[in-house]
Amino acid sequence: MSKTLATVAMLLGVIAILLGAYVVFVQGDNAGIVAIVVGVIALVLPRVAGKNRGNNAR
């Protein structure tokens, strides 16, 4: 995974987590938990992909 793509994925992950937190706390809907989980996966995925390739997504 290229560094730019990894950065975009991480930014989307952060946005998904923030949206999920907003939905859970402001609207009291459990659907926000799904958004938080998706955000965490989007944050972790670039790191895992980089490690698997052996050069740390550089």
N, C-alpha and C. Protein backbone atom coordinates (compact mmCIF):
# COMPACT_ATOMS: atom_id res chain seq x y z
N MET A 1 0.85 -1.19 0.00
CA MET A 1 0.00 0.00 0.00
C MET A 1 0.89 1.25 0.00
N SER A 2 0.60 2.16 -0.89
CA SER A 2 1.42 3.37 -0.96
C SER A 2 1.19 4.25 0.26
N LYS A 3 2.15 5.11 0.51
CA LYS A 3 2.07 5.97 1.70
C LYS A 3 0.87 6.91 1.63
N THR A 4 0.59 7.44 0.44
CA THR A 4 -0.54 8.36 0.28
C THR A 4 -1.85 7.64 0.57
N LEU A 5 -1.99 6.43 0.02
CA LEU A 5 -3.20 5.64 0.22
C LEU A 5 -3.38 5.31 1.70
N ALA A 6 -2.28 4.98 2.37
CA ALA A 6 -2.34 4.67 3.80
C ALA A 6 -2.80 5.89 4.59
N THR A 7 -2.29 7.06 4.21
CA THR A 7 -2.67 8.30 4.91
C THR A 7 -4.16 8.59 4.71
N VAL A 8 -4.65 8.42 3.48
CA VAL A 8 -6.06 8.64 3.19
C VAL A 8 -6.93 7.67 3.99
N ALA A 9 -6.51 6.39 4.04
CA ALA A 9 -7.27 5.39 4.79
C ALA A 9 -7.32 5.74 6.27
N MET A 10 -6.21 6.24 6.80
CA MET A 10 -6.17 6.60 8.22
C MET A 10 -7.05 7.82 8.50
N LEU A 11 -7.04 8.80 7.58
CA LEU A 11 -7.91 9.96 7.75
C LEU A 11 -9.38 9.56 7.72
N LEU A 12 -9.73 8.67 6.79
CA LEU A 12 -11.11 8.18 6.71
C LEU A 12 -11.48 7.43 7.98
N GLY A 13 -10.51 6.69 8.52
CA GLY A 13 -10.74 5.96 9.77
C GLY A 13 -11.06 6.90 10.91
N VAL A 14 -10.29 7.98 11.01
CA VAL A 14 -10.51 8.97 12.07
C VAL A 14 -11.89 9.61 11.91
N ILE A 15 -12.25 9.95 10.66
CA ILE A 15 -13.56 10.56 10.40
C ILE A 15 -14.68 9.60 10.78
N ALA A 16 -14.52 8.31 10.43
CA ALA A 16 -15.54 7.31 10.76
C ALA A 16 -15.70 7.17 12.27
N ILE A 17 -14.58 7.18 13.01
CA ILE A 17 -14.64 7.07 14.47
C ILE A 17 -15.36 8.28 15.07
N LEU A 18 -15.03 9.48 14.56
CA LEU A 18 -15.67 10.69 15.08
C LEU A 18 -17.18 10.71 14.78
N LEU A 19 -17.54 10.30 13.56
CA LEU A 19 -18.96 10.23 13.20
C LEU A 19 -19.68 9.22 14.07
N GLY A 20 -19.04 8.06 14.29
CA GLY A 20 -19.63 7.02 15.13
C GLY A 20 -19.85 7.51 16.54
N ALA A 21 -18.85 8.20 17.09
CA ALA A 21 -18.95 8.73 18.45
C ALA A 21 -20.09 9.75 18.53
N TYR A 22 -20.21 10.59 17.51
CA TYR A 22 -21.29 11.58 17.46
C TYR A 22 -22.66 10.90 17.49
N VAL A 23 -22.81 9.87 16.65
CA VAL A 23 -24.10 9.17 16.56
C VAL A 23 -24.44 8.49 17.89
N VAL A 24 -23.44 7.84 18.51
CA VAL A 24 -23.69 7.14 19.77
C VAL A 24 -24.06 8.11 20.89
N PHE A 25 -23.27 9.18 21.05
CA PHE A 25 -23.46 10.05 22.21
C PHE A 25 -24.55 11.09 22.00
N VAL A 26 -24.66 11.66 20.81
CA VAL A 26 -25.64 12.73 20.59
C VAL A 26 -27.02 12.15 20.28
N GLN A 27 -27.07 11.12 19.43
CA GLN A 27 -28.37 10.58 19.02
C GLN A 27 -28.74 9.31 19.77
N GLY A 28 -27.79 8.75 20.53
CA GLY A 28 -28.08 7.57 21.33
C GLY A 28 -28.39 6.33 20.51
N ASP A 29 -27.81 6.25 19.31
CA ASP A 29 -28.09 5.13 18.41
C ASP A 29 -26.89 4.18 18.38
N ASN A 30 -27.16 2.88 18.49
CA ASN A 30 -26.07 1.91 18.49
C ASN A 30 -25.42 1.72 17.12
N ALA A 31 -26.02 2.27 16.06
CA ALA A 31 -25.43 2.18 14.73
C ALA A 31 -24.07 2.86 14.69
N GLY A 32 -23.85 3.82 15.58
CA GLY A 32 -22.56 4.51 15.64
C GLY A 32 -21.43 3.58 16.01
N ILE A 33 -21.73 2.51 16.76
CA ILE A 33 -20.70 1.55 17.15
C ILE A 33 -20.10 0.90 15.90
N VAL A 34 -20.95 0.61 14.91
CA VAL A 34 -20.48 0.02 13.66
C VAL A 34 -19.50 0.97 12.98
N ALA A 35 -19.82 2.26 12.96
CA ALA A 35 -18.94 3.26 12.35
C ALA A 35 -17.60 3.32 13.08
N ILE A 36 -17.63 3.20 14.41
CA ILE A 36 -16.39 3.22 15.19
C ILE A 36 -15.53 2.01 14.84
N VAL A 37 -16.15 0.82 14.75
CA VAL A 37 -15.42 -0.40 14.40
C VAL A 37 -14.80 -0.28 13.01
N VAL A 38 -15.58 0.23 12.05
CA VAL A 38 -15.07 0.43 10.69
C VAL A 38 -13.89 1.41 10.71
N GLY A 39 -14.00 2.46 11.51
CA GLY A 39 -12.91 3.44 11.63
C GLY A 39 -11.65 2.83 12.18
N VAL A 40 -11.79 1.98 13.21
CA VAL A 40 -10.62 1.32 13.81
C VAL A 40 -9.96 0.40 12.78
N ILE A 41 -10.78 -0.34 12.03
CA ILE A 41 -10.23 -1.23 10.99
C ILE A 41 -9.48 -0.41 9.95
N ALA A 42 -10.05 0.73 9.54
CA ALA A 42 -9.39 1.59 8.55
C ALA A 42 -8.07 2.16 9.07
N LEU A 43 -7.99 2.37 10.39
CA LEU A 43 -6.74 2.86 10.98
C LEU A 43 -5.68 1.77 11.03
N VAL A 44 -6.10 0.55 11.36
CA VAL A 44 -5.16 -0.55 11.58
C VAL A 44 -4.69 -1.16 10.26
N LEU A 45 -5.57 -1.21 9.26
CA LEU A 45 -5.28 -1.90 8.00
C LEU A 45 -4.00 -1.43 7.31
N PRO A 46 -3.76 -0.12 7.14
CA PRO A 46 -2.53 0.31 6.46
C PRO A 46 -1.27 -0.16 7.18
N ARG A 47 -1.29 -0.16 8.51
CA ARG A 47 -0.12 -0.60 9.28
C ARG A 47 0.13 -2.08 9.08
N VAL A 48 -0.95 -2.87 9.11
CA VAL A 48 -0.82 -4.32 8.92
C VAL A 48 -0.32 -4.62 7.52
N ALA A 49 -0.89 -3.94 6.51
CA ALA A 49 -0.48 -4.15 5.12
C ALA A 49 0.99 -3.78 4.94
N GLY A 50 1.42 -2.70 5.58
CA GLY A 50 2.81 -2.27 5.48
C GLY A 50 3.76 -3.26 6.11
N LYS A 51 3.38 -3.79 7.27
CA LYS A 51 4.23 -4.76 7.96
C LYS A 51 4.34 -6.06 7.18
N ASN A 52 3.22 -6.48 6.58
CA ASN A 52 3.23 -7.73 5.82
C ASN A 52 4.16 -7.64 4.62
N ARG A 53 4.27 -6.44 4.05
CA ARG A 53 5.13 -6.27 2.89
C ARG A 53 6.59 -6.15 3.30
N GLY A 54 6.82 -5.82 4.56
CA GLY A 54 8.18 -5.82 5.07
C GLY A 54 8.89 -4.49 5.04
N ASN A 55 8.32 -3.47 4.40
CA ASN A 55 9.02 -2.18 4.35
C ASN A 55 8.21 -1.06 4.99
N ASN A 56 7.26 -1.45 5.84
CA ASN A 56 6.51 -0.50 6.66
C ASN A 56 5.79 0.59 5.87
N ALA A 57 5.19 0.23 4.75
CA ALA A 57 4.34 1.12 3.94
C ALA A 57 5.05 2.40 3.52
N ARG A 58 6.30 2.30 3.18
CA ARG A 58 7.04 3.48 2.73
C ARG A 58 7.15 3.49 1.22
